[in-house]
Structure formats: C-alpha cells, structure tokens
Amino acid sequence: AISDLEIISGVRPSFFEIMTAAMFRWFADEAVDVAVVEVGMLGRWDATNVINSDVAVITNIALDHTEYAGPTVKHIAEEKAGIIKPSSIVILGETDEVLREVFLEMPAQAQICRGDDFSCDENRLAVGGRLITVRTPRTIYEDVLVPLHGEHQGDNASLAISAVEAFFDSMIDPEILAEAMRNVVMPGRFEVLGHQPLVILDGAHNPAGAKVCAEVFFDDFNMSGRKILVTGALRSRDPDDLLTTFRAAEFDVVITCTPPSPRGLPANEMAEVAHRVGCNEVIVAQSVESACETALKLAQSQDAVLVAGSLYIVSAARPFLLSRATKHP
C-alpha cells in the first residue's frame, strides 16, 4: 500500500501521515466493513481526521501535547472536539462540566454522555481483570468480565459498549459481548508478561497515565516483595513530574534507560531526577534490554518489576521480555 501512495503536495509527509494514508488505502483494498480508527495526536489537525465517522468517541481529557494545543485542558478539549462531525453520534466519557460543554456545543447527530446516558454501575476487582455491570441507553449488562487491569478499564469498557450500541443502533447480544470481552488484549497497557517475579509493562508516558499506572500497580496487586521500576522518558516530558506521579520513591530499585528515540532523555539525566525525587537505589542501564535484564536478575520470585515511562521503551522491552518468558517459562 505504501508503494502506491503518491505525493500530491510539495510538503514532505511525516511517518505517521504516510502510515495513516497506507492504512486507509489498505482498508479500501480489503473493503473492510467496520474500521475503528484512533487519533494519533489531539484530533482537529490529525492525519486520521479526514473521515466522516458514524460514531465519535471522546474518552477523557488530560494535559498532553500542550505545545500544539495550548496550556490548559480546555485547549486540549477544543482540539479533540475537532473529530466530531455533524453526522456523528458522540459518545462522551468526559464528566467535567466545563469540558463537556466544549463537546456538546459541536453540531452532531446525537450525544450520549457518561453519567446521564451510560455508566459503569459496578466495577469490582476480579481474577485477571474487572467484573463490571454497565448501564446503557438500551439495557443493563451484568457481570461482564473485562480481562484488563485497573478500575479505569471498566469505565473504558462502558464507553466501548455504548459506542458499539450506537453504531449498530441496537443492544448487544450478551453472549457476543462476553465472548468479545474475553478476547480483549491491550499489548503494552498494564500487560502482565511474567509471574514469579511479576513483570508488568505499561505505556504510561504522561502524568495522567502515570497516576493510573501507579494506582493499579500499588493498589490492585498484593505484592509482598521488592518493587523494581524500569523507566525512561522523552526530552519533551517533565521527568520530575513523571517520576513523582509514578511514585518512584516507593520502589526499592529504579533502573533508568534511554528510550530508543532521537528525543530520548539520556539515562544518566533520568537517574539524577530519580535521586532528586527521593529514590534510594538507582541504576543506570546502557539500553532498554540491559535495563530489563538487570531488573530480572535482581528480582526474586516474590518481587515485582514495572517497565513504564515511554512507548519507545515499551516497544523495545516487550519483545525482549516475551523472549525471556519463552526461554524461562
């Protein structure tokens, strides 16, 4: 698909723009029935925002990409609202009244809002994930198992269920819903890649994501042993804020590494930040793989290893950790 693309302007497209164009070309060639397209960044000017979506889903708003949108969450909301088209049914997960108004002011076919029209009424910790009860405009789905970790995933599931209902204009067969949820996987999103020691991989790379990641790690898992954090960040991030929100000082060992990106913050600089926010034992690794290797060597069976801080780190760590799991089941 990429080789068939033609440059139609004098502006060199970005890697993301090329991949987005290739995606749409592939969708057309394969005549896909339904496409779920996630925005790359913000929304209004994102490469994906050339489609007239039947359903536009807004999860929630947090400070990110402020250099492109503006310094406040309202600026972020205004950019994200750009994906809403007059023909779209809007599924709105944001509950802040001021931010909701930004989205509700956009012309749309219909608006379905968390709290008013749908909700996750029960959200309980279960073996392997969450057990939820979801209320939608059409029905109530009881005891749905979501095989993902974190209370927020129950809320996300209620959003997804409402979006599917809106798309098909009908309720979902409970058996089909249960089967679909059983097959849900989110690589790199609080993904458990090993036990004894517990090894978790999470792509959290901003304060909002780090906060949720830390809450799930410390509150949902009963860990009796030491806790080891493998982390790094891009230069565009505030590493002090990131590590503080990750609760890095509560880890017994912090191993820093440089994300495999030209924008990666050097591991030694991240280590300085770790010391500054109160971490006691800090190790500087030469690569993501060596950081993971060091963590696994330090960890005993009752310990836990969390790899987080950058999607670039996740992309490098995941194949390494999976290969280790295969070699050392």
C-alpha atoms as a PDB file:
ATOM      1  CA  ALA A   1       0.000   0.000   0.000  1.00  0.00           C
ATOM      2  CA  ILE A   2       2.820   2.410   0.828  1.00  0.00           C
ATOM      3  CA  SER A   3       4.474   1.986  -2.580  1.00  0.00           C
ATOM      4  CA  ASP A   4       1.210   3.007  -4.257  1.00  0.00           C
ATOM      5  CA  LEU A   5       0.983   6.342  -2.462  1.00  0.00           C
ATOM      6  CA  GLU A   6       1.567   9.468  -4.494  1.00  0.00           C
ATOM      7  CA  ILE A   7       2.880  12.748  -3.135  1.00  0.00           C
ATOM      8  CA  ILE A   8       0.266  15.355  -4.081  1.00  0.00           C
ATOM      9  CA  SER A   9       1.889  18.395  -2.496  1.00  0.00           C
ATOM     10  CA  GLY A  10       5.345  19.835  -2.108  1.00  0.00           C
ATOM     11  CA  VAL A  11       5.282  19.169   1.646  1.00  0.00           C
ATOM     12  CA  ARG A  12       7.117  16.060   2.791  1.00  0.00           C
ATOM     13  CA  PRO A  13       4.659  13.901   4.758  1.00  0.00           C
ATOM     14  CA  SER A  14       5.550  12.652   8.214  1.00  0.00           C
ATOM     15  CA  PHE A  15       5.974   8.967   9.012  1.00  0.00           C
ATOM     16  CA  PHE A  16       2.600   8.974  10.762  1.00  0.00           C
ATOM     17  CA  GLU A  17       0.906  10.610   7.785  1.00  0.00           C
ATOM     18  CA  ILE A  18       2.373   8.013   5.426  1.00  0.00           C
ATOM     19  CA  MET A  19       1.237   5.159   7.657  1.00  0.00           C
ATOM     20  CA  THR A  20      -2.228   6.697   8.011  1.00  0.00           C
ATOM     21  CA  ALA A  21      -2.579   7.027   4.233  1.00  0.00           C
ATOM     22  CA  ALA A  22      -1.413   3.428   3.812  1.00  0.00           C
ATOM     23  CA  MET A  23      -3.966   2.334   6.410  1.00  0.00           C
ATOM     24  CA  PHE A  24      -6.846   3.971   4.551  1.00  0.00           C
ATOM     25  CA  ARG A  25      -5.611   2.520   1.253  1.00  0.00           C
ATOM     26  CA  TRP A  26      -5.479  -0.944   2.803  1.00  0.00           C
ATOM     27  CA  PHE A  27      -8.974  -0.511   4.260  1.00  0.00           C
ATOM     28  CA  ALA A  28     -10.242   0.383   0.770  1.00  0.00           C
ATOM     29  CA  ASP A  29      -8.436  -2.512  -0.917  1.00  0.00           C
ATOM     30  CA  GLU A  30      -9.773  -5.005   1.618  1.00  0.00           C
ATOM     31  CA  ALA A  31     -13.269  -3.454   1.645  1.00  0.00           C
ATOM     32  CA  VAL A  32     -13.433  -3.555   5.432  1.00  0.00           C
ATOM     33  CA  ASP A  33     -16.919  -3.427   6.906  1.00  0.00           C
ATOM     34  CA  VAL A  34     -16.041  -1.506  10.067  1.00  0.00           C
ATOM     35  CA  ALA A  35     -12.881   0.420  10.935  1.00  0.00           C
ATOM     36  CA  VAL A  36     -12.022   1.655  14.416  1.00  0.00           C
ATOM     37  CA  VAL A  37      -9.533   4.494  13.943  1.00  0.00           C
ATOM     38  CA  GLU A  38      -7.685   6.040  16.882  1.00  0.00           C
ATOM     39  CA  VAL A  39      -6.448   9.609  16.616  1.00  0.00           C
ATOM     40  CA  GLY A  40      -2.678   9.958  16.704  1.00  0.00           C
ATOM     41  CA  MET A  41      -2.469  13.313  18.498  1.00  0.00           C
ATOM     42  CA  LEU A  42      -5.187  15.705  19.684  1.00  0.00           C
ATOM     43  CA  GLY A  43      -7.714  15.496  16.830  1.00  0.00           C
ATOM     44  CA  ARG A  44      -8.612  18.539  14.767  1.00  0.00           C
ATOM     45  CA  TRP A  45      -5.484  18.523  12.584  1.00  0.00           C
ATOM     46  CA  ASP A  46      -4.592  14.854  12.987  1.00  0.00           C
ATOM     47  CA  ALA A  47      -3.981  12.838   9.823  1.00  0.00           C
ATOM     48  CA  THR A  48      -6.787  10.448  10.754  1.00  0.00           C
ATOM     49  CA  ASN A  49      -9.371  13.246  10.824  1.00  0.00           C
ATOM     50  CA  VAL A  50     -10.217  13.072   7.126  1.00  0.00           C
ATOM     51  CA  ILE A  51     -13.050  10.627   7.672  1.00  0.00           C
ATOM     52  CA  ASN A  52     -16.676  11.337   8.487  1.00  0.00           C
ATOM     53  CA  SER A  53     -17.126   8.944  11.373  1.00  0.00           C
ATOM     54  CA  ASP A  54     -20.509   7.450  12.211  1.00  0.00           C
ATOM     55  CA  VAL A  55     -19.504   7.404  15.874  1.00  0.00           C
ATOM     56  CA  ALA A  56     -17.014   9.785  17.512  1.00  0.00           C
ATOM     57  CA  VAL A  57     -15.724   8.637  20.901  1.00  0.00           C
ATOM     58  CA  ILE A  58     -14.171  11.009  23.442  1.00  0.00           C
ATOM     59  CA  THR A  59     -12.693   9.226  26.463  1.00  0.00           C
ATOM     60  CA  ASN A  60     -11.457  11.867  28.903  1.00  0.00           C
ATOM     61  CA  ILE A  61      -9.179  14.884  28.819  1.00  0.00           C
ATOM     62  CA  ALA A  62      -5.767  15.306  30.415  1.00  0.00           C
ATOM     63  CA  LEU A  63      -2.859  17.670  29.857  1.00  0.00           C
ATOM     64  CA  ASP A  64      -0.731  16.372  26.991  1.00  0.00           C
ATOM     65  CA  HIS A  65       0.727  17.846  23.794  1.00  0.00           C
ATOM     66  CA  THR A  66       0.264  21.337  25.224  1.00  0.00           C
ATOM     67  CA  GLU A  67       2.921  22.683  22.860  1.00  0.00           C
ATOM     68  CA  TYR A  68       0.487  22.059  19.996  1.00  0.00           C
ATOM     69  CA  ALA A  69      -2.888  22.778  21.602  1.00  0.00           C
ATOM     70  CA  GLY A  70      -2.396  25.287  24.399  1.00  0.00           C
ATOM     71  CA  PRO A  71      -1.610  25.299  28.117  1.00  0.00           C
ATOM     72  CA  THR A  72      -4.966  24.187  29.575  1.00  0.00           C
ATOM     73  CA  VAL A  73      -7.199  21.134  29.444  1.00  0.00           C
ATOM     74  CA  LYS A  74      -9.853  23.276  27.769  1.00  0.00           C
ATOM     75  CA  HIS A  75      -7.419  23.925  24.906  1.00  0.00           C
ATOM     76  CA  ILE A  76      -6.904  20.156  24.658  1.00  0.00           C
ATOM     77  CA  ALA A  77     -10.668  19.578  24.645  1.00  0.00           C
ATOM     78  CA  GLU A  78     -11.198  22.110  21.865  1.00  0.00           C
ATOM     79  CA  GLU A  79      -8.672  20.300  19.677  1.00  0.00           C
ATOM     80  CA  LYS A  80     -10.140  16.880  20.415  1.00  0.00           C
ATOM     81  CA  ALA A  81     -13.640  18.160  19.654  1.00  0.00           C
ATOM     82  CA  GLY A  82     -12.479  18.644  16.067  1.00  0.00           C
ATOM     83  CA  ILE A  83     -13.126  14.961  15.315  1.00  0.00           C
ATOM     84  CA  ILE A  84     -16.873  15.451  15.804  1.00  0.00           C
ATOM     85  CA  LYS A  85     -18.780  15.798  12.529  1.00  0.00           C
ATOM     86  CA  PRO A  86     -22.435  16.840  12.050  1.00  0.00           C
ATOM     87  CA  SER A  87     -23.231  13.251  11.052  1.00  0.00           C
ATOM     88  CA  SER A  88     -21.519  11.720  14.099  1.00  0.00           C
ATOM     89  CA  ILE A  89     -23.078  10.190  17.180  1.00  0.00           C
ATOM     90  CA  VAL A  90     -20.880  11.417  20.032  1.00  0.00           C
ATOM     91  CA  ILE A  91     -20.034   9.050  22.890  1.00  0.00           C
ATOM     92  CA  LEU A  92     -18.678  11.310  25.623  1.00  0.00           C
ATOM     93  CA  GLY A  93     -16.715   9.921  28.550  1.00  0.00           C
ATOM     94  CA  GLU A  94     -15.546  13.244  29.993  1.00  0.00           C
ATOM     95  CA  THR A  95     -17.508  14.215  33.117  1.00  0.00           C
ATOM     96  CA  ASP A  96     -16.090  17.668  33.879  1.00  0.00           C
ATOM     97  CA  GLU A  97     -18.955  20.089  33.197  1.00  0.00           C
ATOM     98  CA  VAL A  98     -16.786  22.820  31.658  1.00  0.00           C
ATOM     99  CA  LEU A  99     -15.028  20.393  29.334  1.00  0.00           C
ATOM    100  CA  ARG A 100     -18.246  18.574  28.449  1.00  0.00           C
ATOM    101  CA  GLU A 101     -19.713  21.836  27.226  1.00  0.00           C
ATOM    102  CA  VAL A 102     -16.895  22.121  24.673  1.00  0.00           C
ATOM    103  CA  PHE A 103     -18.006  18.850  23.090  1.00  0.00           C
ATOM    104  CA  LEU A 104     -21.735  19.355  23.475  1.00  0.00           C
ATOM    105  CA  GLU A 105     -21.530  22.638  21.567  1.00  0.00           C
ATOM    106  CA  MET A 106     -20.326  20.796  18.463  1.00  0.00           C
ATOM    107  CA  PRO A 107     -23.006  20.000  15.849  1.00  0.00           C
ATOM    108  CA  ALA A 108     -23.712  16.259  15.950  1.00  0.00           C
ATOM    109  CA  GLN A 109     -26.429  13.762  15.138  1.00  0.00           C
ATOM    110  CA  ALA A 110     -26.732  12.714  18.796  1.00  0.00           C
ATOM    111  CA  GLN A 111     -24.818  12.901  22.074  1.00  0.00           C
ATOM    112  CA  ILE A 112     -24.563  10.047  24.558  1.00  0.00           C
ATOM    113  CA  CYS A 113     -22.875  11.056  27.814  1.00  0.00           C
ATOM    114  CA  ARG A 114     -21.315   9.186  30.711  1.00  0.00           C
ATOM    115  CA  GLY A 115     -23.427   9.566  33.812  1.00  0.00           C
ATOM    116  CA  ASP A 116     -26.543  10.773  32.009  1.00  0.00           C
ATOM    117  CA  ASP A 117     -26.935   8.066  29.371  1.00  0.00           C
ATOM    118  CA  PHE A 118     -24.482   5.313  30.305  1.00  0.00           C
ATOM    119  CA  SER A 119     -22.367   4.311  33.277  1.00  0.00           C
ATOM    120  CA  CYS A 120     -20.305   1.563  34.828  1.00  0.00           C
ATOM    121  CA  ASP A 121     -22.510   0.899  37.863  1.00  0.00           C
ATOM    122  CA  GLU A 122     -20.410  -1.896  39.360  1.00  0.00           C
ATOM    123  CA  ASN A 123     -16.671  -2.222  38.894  1.00  0.00           C
ATOM    124  CA  ARG A 124     -15.088  -4.920  41.018  1.00  0.00           C
ATOM    125  CA  LEU A 125     -11.603  -6.380  41.135  1.00  0.00           C
ATOM    126  CA  ALA A 126     -11.631  -9.918  39.738  1.00  0.00           C
ATOM    127  CA  VAL A 127      -9.092 -12.599  38.912  1.00  0.00           C
ATOM    128  CA  GLY A 128      -7.404 -11.398  35.724  1.00  0.00           C
ATOM    129  CA  GLY A 129      -9.219  -8.078  35.454  1.00  0.00           C
ATOM    130  CA  ARG A 130     -12.501  -6.397  36.396  1.00  0.00           C
ATOM    131  CA  LEU A 131     -16.086  -7.615  36.779  1.00  0.00           C
ATOM    132  CA  ILE A 132     -18.459  -4.855  35.711  1.00  0.00           C
ATOM    133  CA  THR A 133     -22.129  -4.000  35.317  1.00  0.00           C
ATOM    134  CA  VAL A 134     -22.843  -1.450  32.589  1.00  0.00           C
ATOM    135  CA  ARG A 135     -25.966   0.665  32.106  1.00  0.00           C
ATOM    136  CA  THR A 136     -26.580   1.948  28.580  1.00  0.00           C
ATOM    137  CA  PRO A 137     -29.486   3.738  26.867  1.00  0.00           C
ATOM    138  CA  ARG A 138     -30.812   0.340  25.757  1.00  0.00           C
ATOM    139  CA  THR A 139     -30.204  -2.149  28.564  1.00  0.00           C
ATOM    140  CA  ILE A 140     -28.089  -3.237  31.538  1.00  0.00           C
ATOM    141  CA  TYR A 141     -25.229  -5.694  31.041  1.00  0.00           C
ATOM    142  CA  GLU A 142     -24.452  -7.535  34.278  1.00  0.00           C
ATOM    143  CA  ASP A 143     -21.268  -9.299  35.415  1.00  0.00           C
ATOM    144  CA  VAL A 144     -19.185  -8.649  32.320  1.00  0.00           C
ATOM    145  CA  LEU A 145     -15.585  -9.808  32.765  1.00  0.00           C
ATOM    146  CA  VAL A 146     -13.030  -7.364  31.359  1.00  0.00           C
ATOM    147  CA  PRO A 147      -9.588  -9.058  31.229  1.00  0.00           C
ATOM    148  CA  LEU A 148      -7.696  -5.802  31.782  1.00  0.00           C
ATOM    149  CA  HIS A 149      -6.231  -4.355  34.956  1.00  0.00           C
ATOM    150  CA  GLY A 150      -7.341  -1.125  36.592  1.00  0.00           C
ATOM    151  CA  GLU A 151     -10.681   0.368  37.582  1.00  0.00           C
ATOM    152  CA  HIS A 152     -10.429   2.760  34.629  1.00  0.00           C
ATOM    153  CA  GLN A 153     -10.706  -0.196  32.248  1.00  0.00           C
ATOM    154  CA  GLY A 154     -14.226  -0.827  33.491  1.00  0.00           C
ATOM    155  CA  ASP A 155     -15.093   2.755  32.602  1.00  0.00           C
ATOM    156  CA  ASN A 156     -13.399   2.347  29.224  1.00  0.00           C
ATOM    157  CA  ALA A 157     -15.406  -0.815  28.589  1.00  0.00           C
ATOM    158  CA  SER A 158     -18.676   1.008  29.279  1.00  0.00           C
ATOM    159  CA  LEU A 159     -17.621   3.629  26.742  1.00  0.00           C
ATOM    160  CA  ALA A 160     -16.806   0.977  24.132  1.00  0.00           C
ATOM    161  CA  ILE A 161     -20.068  -0.880  24.720  1.00  0.00           C
ATOM    162  CA  SER A 162     -22.053   2.342  24.299  1.00  0.00           C
ATOM    163  CA  ALA A 163     -20.167   3.119  21.082  1.00  0.00           C
ATOM    164  CA  VAL A 164     -20.973  -0.306  19.617  1.00  0.00           C
ATOM    165  CA  GLU A 165     -24.634   0.082  20.551  1.00  0.00           C
ATOM    166  CA  ALA A 166     -24.721   3.486  18.864  1.00  0.00           C
ATOM    167  CA  PHE A 167     -23.074   2.148  15.709  1.00  0.00           C
ATOM    168  CA  PHE A 168     -25.496  -0.756  15.321  1.00  0.00           C
ATOM    169  CA  ASP A 169     -28.463   1.137  16.795  1.00  0.00           C
ATOM    170  CA  SER A 170     -29.308  -1.843  18.999  1.00  0.00           C
ATOM    171  CA  MET A 171     -28.268  -3.601  22.161  1.00  0.00           C
ATOM    172  CA  ILE A 172     -25.518  -6.222  22.044  1.00  0.00           C
ATOM    173  CA  ASP A 173     -26.295  -9.908  22.490  1.00  0.00           C
ATOM    174  CA  PRO A 174     -24.904 -10.697  25.990  1.00  0.00           C
ATOM    175  CA  GLU A 175     -23.184 -13.869  24.767  1.00  0.00           C
ATOM    176  CA  ILE A 176     -21.485 -11.991  21.935  1.00  0.00           C
ATOM    177  CA  LEU A 177     -20.418  -9.271  24.380  1.00  0.00           C
ATOM    178  CA  ALA A 178     -18.986 -11.817  26.818  1.00  0.00           C
ATOM    179  CA  GLU A 179     -17.043 -13.561  24.046  1.00  0.00           C
ATOM    180  CA  ALA A 180     -15.745 -10.253  22.692  1.00  0.00           C
ATOM    181  CA  MET A 181     -14.564  -9.148  26.122  1.00  0.00           C
ATOM    182  CA  ARG A 182     -12.842 -12.485  26.747  1.00  0.00           C
ATOM    183  CA  ASN A 183     -10.709 -11.837  23.674  1.00  0.00           C
ATOM    184  CA  VAL A 184      -9.709  -8.276  24.564  1.00  0.00           C
ATOM    185  CA  VAL A 185      -5.951  -7.713  24.728  1.00  0.00           C
ATOM    186  CA  MET A 186      -4.044  -4.442  25.042  1.00  0.00           C
ATOM    187  CA  PRO A 187      -0.320  -5.040  24.499  1.00  0.00           C
ATOM    188  CA  GLY A 188       1.797  -2.620  26.469  1.00  0.00           C
ATOM    189  CA  ARG A 189      -1.100  -1.325  28.557  1.00  0.00           C
ATOM    190  CA  PHE A 190      -0.548  -2.713  32.040  1.00  0.00           C
ATOM    191  CA  GLU A 191       0.262  -6.003  30.396  1.00  0.00           C
ATOM    192  CA  VAL A 192       1.382  -8.837  32.654  1.00  0.00           C
ATOM    193  CA  LEU A 193       4.287 -10.599  30.937  1.00  0.00           C
ATOM    194  CA  GLY A 194       5.510 -12.793  33.749  1.00  0.00           C
ATOM    195  CA  HIS A 195       4.839 -14.220  37.204  1.00  0.00           C
ATOM    196  CA  GLN A 196       7.306 -15.033  39.996  1.00  0.00           C
ATOM    197  CA  PRO A 197       8.565 -12.400  39.610  1.00  0.00           C
ATOM    198  CA  LEU A 198       5.585 -10.398  38.474  1.00  0.00           C
ATOM    199  CA  VAL A 199       6.553  -8.453  35.327  1.00  0.00           C
ATOM    200  CA  ILE A 200       4.287  -5.650  34.100  1.00  0.00           C
ATOM    201  CA  LEU A 201       4.662  -3.481  31.011  1.00  0.00           C
ATOM    202  CA  ASP A 202       2.796  -0.188  30.706  1.00  0.00           C
ATOM    203  CA  GLY A 203       2.978   2.570  28.107  1.00  0.00           C
ATOM    204  CA  ALA A 204       2.108   5.368  30.545  1.00  0.00           C
ATOM    205  CA  HIS A 205       4.154   8.379  29.448  1.00  0.00           C
ATOM    206  CA  ASN A 206       2.366  11.433  30.846  1.00  0.00           C
ATOM    207  CA  PRO A 207       1.294  12.375  34.392  1.00  0.00           C
ATOM    208  CA  ALA A 208      -2.314  11.247  33.899  1.00  0.00           C
ATOM    209  CA  GLY A 209      -1.224   7.831  32.654  1.00  0.00           C
ATOM    210  CA  ALA A 210       1.483   7.543  35.306  1.00  0.00           C
ATOM    211  CA  LYS A 211      -1.047   8.263  38.056  1.00  0.00           C
ATOM    212  CA  VAL A 212      -3.370   5.494  36.898  1.00  0.00           C
ATOM    213  CA  CYS A 213      -0.466   3.100  36.369  1.00  0.00           C
ATOM    214  CA  ALA A 214       0.848   3.680  39.899  1.00  0.00           C
ATOM    215  CA  GLU A 215      -2.602   3.294  41.437  1.00  0.00           C
ATOM    216  CA  VAL A 216      -3.177  -0.047  39.738  1.00  0.00           C
ATOM    217  CA  PHE A 217       0.344  -1.290  40.498  1.00  0.00           C
ATOM    218  CA  PHE A 218       0.307  -0.427  44.195  1.00  0.00           C
ATOM    219  CA  ASP A 219      -3.393  -0.876  44.996  1.00  0.00           C
ATOM    220  CA  ASP A 220      -4.636  -3.780  42.856  1.00  0.00           C
ATOM    221  CA  PHE A 221      -1.719  -6.175  43.274  1.00  0.00           C
ATOM    222  CA  ASN A 222      -0.871  -7.752  46.616  1.00  0.00           C
ATOM    223  CA  MET A 223       2.921  -7.727  46.439  1.00  0.00           C
ATOM    224  CA  SER A 224       4.986  -8.870  49.398  1.00  0.00           C
ATOM    225  CA  GLY A 225       8.429  -8.494  47.844  1.00  0.00           C
ATOM    226  CA  ARG A 226      10.570  -5.726  46.440  1.00  0.00           C
ATOM    227  CA  LYS A 227       9.379  -3.430  43.702  1.00  0.00           C
ATOM    228  CA  ILE A 228      11.632  -2.553  40.755  1.00  0.00           C
ATOM    229  CA  LEU A 229      10.909   0.217  38.246  1.00  0.00           C
ATOM    230  CA  VAL A 230      12.486   0.303  34.776  1.00  0.00           C
ATOM    231  CA  THR A 231      11.863   3.715  33.277  1.00  0.00           C
ATOM    232  CA  GLY A 232      12.885   6.467  30.894  1.00  0.00           C
ATOM    233  CA  ALA A 233      11.264   9.386  29.106  1.00  0.00           C
ATOM    234  CA  LEU A 234      11.440  11.665  26.113  1.00  0.00           C
ATOM    235  CA  ARG A 235      13.013  15.096  26.468  1.00  0.00           C
ATOM    236  CA  SER A 236       9.625  16.710  25.871  1.00  0.00           C
ATOM    237  CA  ARG A 237       8.330  15.304  29.163  1.00  0.00           C
ATOM    238  CA  ASP A 238       8.800  16.723  32.644  1.00  0.00           C
ATOM    239  CA  PRO A 239      10.761  13.871  34.247  1.00  0.00           C
ATOM    240  CA  ASP A 240      10.361  15.208  37.807  1.00  0.00           C
ATOM    241  CA  ASP A 241       6.587  15.273  37.431  1.00  0.00           C
ATOM    242  CA  LEU A 242       6.551  11.889  35.705  1.00  0.00           C
ATOM    243  CA  LEU A 243       8.615  10.070  38.347  1.00  0.00           C
ATOM    244  CA  THR A 244       6.775  11.741  41.209  1.00  0.00           C
ATOM    245  CA  THR A 245       3.448  10.653  39.735  1.00  0.00           C
ATOM    246  CA  PHE A 246       4.778   7.122  39.189  1.00  0.00           C
ATOM    247  CA  ARG A 247       5.535   7.161  42.959  1.00  0.00           C
ATOM    248  CA  ALA A 248       9.088   6.215  42.027  1.00  0.00           C
ATOM    249  CA  ALA A 249      10.355   6.835  45.564  1.00  0.00           C
ATOM    250  CA  GLU A 250       8.204   3.908  46.750  1.00  0.00           C
ATOM    251  CA  PHE A 251      10.141   1.463  44.553  1.00  0.00           C
ATOM    252  CA  ASP A 252      13.074  -0.358  46.112  1.00  0.00           C
ATOM    253  CA  VAL A 253      15.140  -0.063  42.926  1.00  0.00           C
ATOM    254  CA  VAL A 254      14.807   2.297  39.955  1.00  0.00           C
ATOM    255  CA  ILE A 255      16.639   1.416  36.727  1.00  0.00           C
ATOM    256  CA  THR A 256      16.850   4.197  34.154  1.00  0.00           C
ATOM    257  CA  CYS A 257      17.408   3.759  30.427  1.00  0.00           C
ATOM    258  CA  THR A 258      17.329   5.953  27.343  1.00  0.00           C
ATOM    259  CA  PRO A 259      14.297   5.454  25.077  1.00  0.00           C
ATOM    260  CA  PRO A 260      15.388   4.371  21.565  1.00  0.00           C
ATOM    261  CA  SER A 261      14.492   7.720  20.004  1.00  0.00           C
ATOM    262  CA  PRO A 262      16.465  10.828  18.997  1.00  0.00           C
ATOM    263  CA  ARG A 263      14.247  12.628  21.508  1.00  0.00           C
ATOM    264  CA  GLY A 264      15.106  10.265  24.352  1.00  0.00           C
ATOM    265  CA  LEU A 265      16.268  11.741  27.656  1.00  0.00           C
ATOM    266  CA  PRO A 266      19.683  10.215  28.498  1.00  0.00           C
ATOM    267  CA  ALA A 267      19.521   7.578  31.212  1.00  0.00           C
ATOM    268  CA  ASN A 268      22.038   9.372  33.423  1.00  0.00           C
ATOM    269  CA  GLU A 269      19.878  12.513  33.417  1.00  0.00           C
ATOM    270  CA  MET A 270      16.815  10.458  34.318  1.00  0.00           C
ATOM    271  CA  ALA A 271      18.841   8.908  37.143  1.00  0.00           C
ATOM    272  CA  GLU A 272      19.633  12.365  38.511  1.00  0.00           C
ATOM    273  CA  VAL A 273      15.931  13.130  38.544  1.00  0.00           C
ATOM    274  CA  ALA A 274      15.231   9.828  40.315  1.00  0.00           C
ATOM    275  CA  HIS A 275      17.647  10.763  43.092  1.00  0.00           C
ATOM    276  CA  ARG A 276      16.080  14.211  43.271  1.00  0.00           C
ATOM    277  CA  VAL A 277      12.559  12.860  43.831  1.00  0.00           C
ATOM    278  CA  GLY A 278      13.703  10.580  46.652  1.00  0.00           C
ATOM    279  CA  CYS A 279      14.690   7.264  45.069  1.00  0.00           C
ATOM    280  CA  ASN A 280      17.365   5.454  47.075  1.00  0.00           C
ATOM    281  CA  GLU A 281      18.844   2.781  44.821  1.00  0.00           C
ATOM    282  CA  VAL A 282      19.160   3.979  41.218  1.00  0.00           C
ATOM    283  CA  ILE A 283      20.912   2.060  38.432  1.00  0.00           C
ATOM    284  CA  VAL A 284      21.784   3.484  35.010  1.00  0.00           C
ATOM    285  CA  ALA A 285      21.456   0.979  32.153  1.00  0.00           C
ATOM    286  CA  GLN A 286      23.006   1.223  28.693  1.00  0.00           C
ATOM    287  CA  SER A 287      19.856   0.122  26.856  1.00  0.00           C
ATOM    288  CA  VAL A 288      16.254  -0.852  27.429  1.00  0.00           C
ATOM    289  CA  GLU A 289      17.164  -4.517  27.050  1.00  0.00           C
ATOM    290  CA  SER A 290      20.005  -4.313  29.572  1.00  0.00           C
ATOM    291  CA  ALA A 291      17.702  -2.463  31.983  1.00  0.00           C
ATOM    292  CA  CYS A 292      15.162  -5.277  31.760  1.00  0.00           C
ATOM    293  CA  GLU A 293      17.908  -7.885  32.092  1.00  0.00           C
ATOM    294  CA  THR A 294      19.215  -6.187  35.234  1.00  0.00           C
ATOM    295  CA  ALA A 295      15.717  -5.987  36.705  1.00  0.00           C
ATOM    296  CA  LEU A 296      15.085  -9.685  36.115  1.00  0.00           C
ATOM    297  CA  LYS A 297      18.426 -10.627  37.672  1.00  0.00           C
ATOM    298  CA  LEU A 298      17.676  -8.553  40.766  1.00  0.00           C
ATOM    299  CA  ALA A 299      14.101  -9.793  41.169  1.00  0.00           C
ATOM    300  CA  GLN A 300      13.240 -12.770  43.341  1.00  0.00           C
ATOM    301  CA  SER A 301      10.076 -14.820  42.829  1.00  0.00           C
ATOM    302  CA  GLN A 302       8.031 -12.672  45.232  1.00  0.00           C
ATOM    303  CA  ASP A 303       9.166  -9.366  43.687  1.00  0.00           C
ATOM    304  CA  ALA A 304       7.540  -7.185  41.029  1.00  0.00           C
ATOM    305  CA  VAL A 305       9.031  -5.384  38.019  1.00  0.00           C
ATOM    306  CA  LEU A 306       7.251  -2.477  36.332  1.00  0.00           C
ATOM    307  CA  VAL A 307       8.522  -1.234  32.949  1.00  0.00           C
ATOM    308  CA  ALA A 308       6.960   2.141  32.107  1.00  0.00           C
ATOM    309  CA  GLY A 309       7.528   5.770  31.146  1.00  0.00           C
ATOM    310  CA  SER A 310       7.642   5.789  27.348  1.00  0.00           C
ATOM    311  CA  LEU A 311       6.033   3.948  24.451  1.00  0.00           C
ATOM    312  CA  TYR A 312       9.510   3.743  22.926  1.00  0.00           C
ATOM    313  CA  ILE A 313      10.676   1.817  25.977  1.00  0.00           C
ATOM    314  CA  VAL A 314       7.641  -0.446  25.765  1.00  0.00           C
ATOM    315  CA  SER A 315       8.314  -1.191  22.082  1.00  0.00           C
ATOM    316  CA  ALA A 316      11.878  -2.266  22.891  1.00  0.00           C
ATOM    317  CA  ALA A 317      11.136  -4.051  26.158  1.00  0.00           C
ATOM    318  CA  ARG A 318       8.160  -6.129  25.054  1.00  0.00           C
ATOM    319  CA  PRO A 319       9.899  -8.452  22.532  1.00  0.00           C
ATOM    320  CA  PHE A 320      12.829  -8.858  24.919  1.00  0.00           C
ATOM    321  CA  LEU A 321      10.593  -9.775  27.859  1.00  0.00           C
ATOM    322  CA  LEU A 322       8.499 -12.113  25.724  1.00  0.00           C
ATOM    323  CA  SER A 323      11.632 -13.903  24.517  1.00  0.00           C
ATOM    324  CA  ARG A 324      12.793 -14.275  28.118  1.00  0.00           C
ATOM    325  CA  ALA A 325       9.400 -15.660  29.112  1.00  0.00           C
ATOM    326  CA  THR A 326       9.656 -18.221  26.274  1.00  0.00           C
ATOM    327  CA  LYS A 327      13.161 -19.286  27.273  1.00  0.00           C
ATOM    328  CA  HIS A 328      12.435 -19.301  31.014  1.00  0.00           C
ATOM    329  CA  PRO A 329       8.787 -20.363  31.465  1.00  0.00           C
END
